[in-house]
């Protein structure tokens, strides 16, 4: 676990007790610590769970506010309002803006007229400032072991935290030492630590830590509903960090599912030697996926890598039920039975093996859904998807597959008639050739 502060501020790492010796998980501990840190008046602090060694992934919010105009003042004001709005959401902690003017600085203006009247040149004046406030290498020394050490000239560092140090730095004006404070004027100001650009545009970056009890999708929905009203027509916002990774992973997940369905369809088409039976088998897949997603929603889980693995496994298992039903129905029709009789016999004769297969898989997935300890969250996601998805998907398979088989039987007969028609044409062509 990390105790964090932005920029060059300290980072402290704290190790938790082993999992078996504490009753509270790391996410809950971090959530409680972040709630306590909000009551600190003089300091900013945030806590989060450290990423596993070797893994690099975003866990916090990064919101990029960009503008195509040069109205940086409005951009700064809008970002401050957005920060106040995000602080109202309980799922975000340590909300900060890169444009916040929290860096104290002094602007030093040189009076060139006084320099000219005193006879001090600009080079002499700037050299004195750079030497004493910064540092200048005056030479080096070596010890008896021939180790070399640089010699630097600089004012005592204990005096650098006080602006009155300018009264202790002198320049030579016609042979008289005069403090440099006589030639400058100081203006105290607060500025942001750095200017931020995003995709070549002036921008402000808003960062925050996401509470473990909230998902990035919930944060995204809240931002899309509440942030646009603070921006003018020249300003837009883009997601970065954890939400951007979420969007990219969801897009890739959709592609993976589509490719998986296409691959299964092509393989089944080759197995059954037609394009209708695979449609009947895959008809239960959407309903099964919905049941798995509903189970995640009821359990308070989210779509992630583990739940996607469970959904892909679920598609394969439910597809197997459909294969058993359709294959048996086709064999029944070859024996001379009607489509209705074949569908009914398929549902009754294959009920027992399908139920036994589903029960076996459900019993095997129950330990995953009830697991605890380190890494249990991923196992629970997979287990919940498989248990509820198999239970509901099996129910759909036993009723929907036979019904769909009967409904699409006429289309299969049309295909047969087309084949017969083609065979007749071939026969006639051969007949005329022989004649």
Foldseek 3Di string as FASTA:
>chain_A
DWKDDPDPDDIDDDDDDAPVVDDDDPLVVQLVVLVVQVPDDPDHIHDDDDDDPPDDAFQWWKKKKFFPDPPVVLQLVLLVVVQVVVVVDSFWGRKDKQWDQPAKDKDKDFAVVVCVVQVHDPVQLVVQCCPALPKDFPAWDADPVRDIDTDIGYHDPVCNVDPCCQQVGFTARPNDTGRRVVGIDIDMDTTGPDFDDDPNTGIMMIITGGRPLDDLVVVVVSCVVPSPVSDDPRMDMDIDGPNVVVVVVVVVLVVVVVVLLVVQQVVVCVVVVHNQLSCLLQVLLVVLLVQLVVLCVVVSHDDDPLLSVLSSVLSVLLSVLSVQLVVQLVVVVVVPDDLLVSLVCSLVVCVVVLVVVLVVQLVVLVCLLVDDGPPSVSSNSNSSSSNRSSVVSSVCSSPRSSVSSNVCVVVVVVVVVVVVVVVVVVVVVVVVVVD
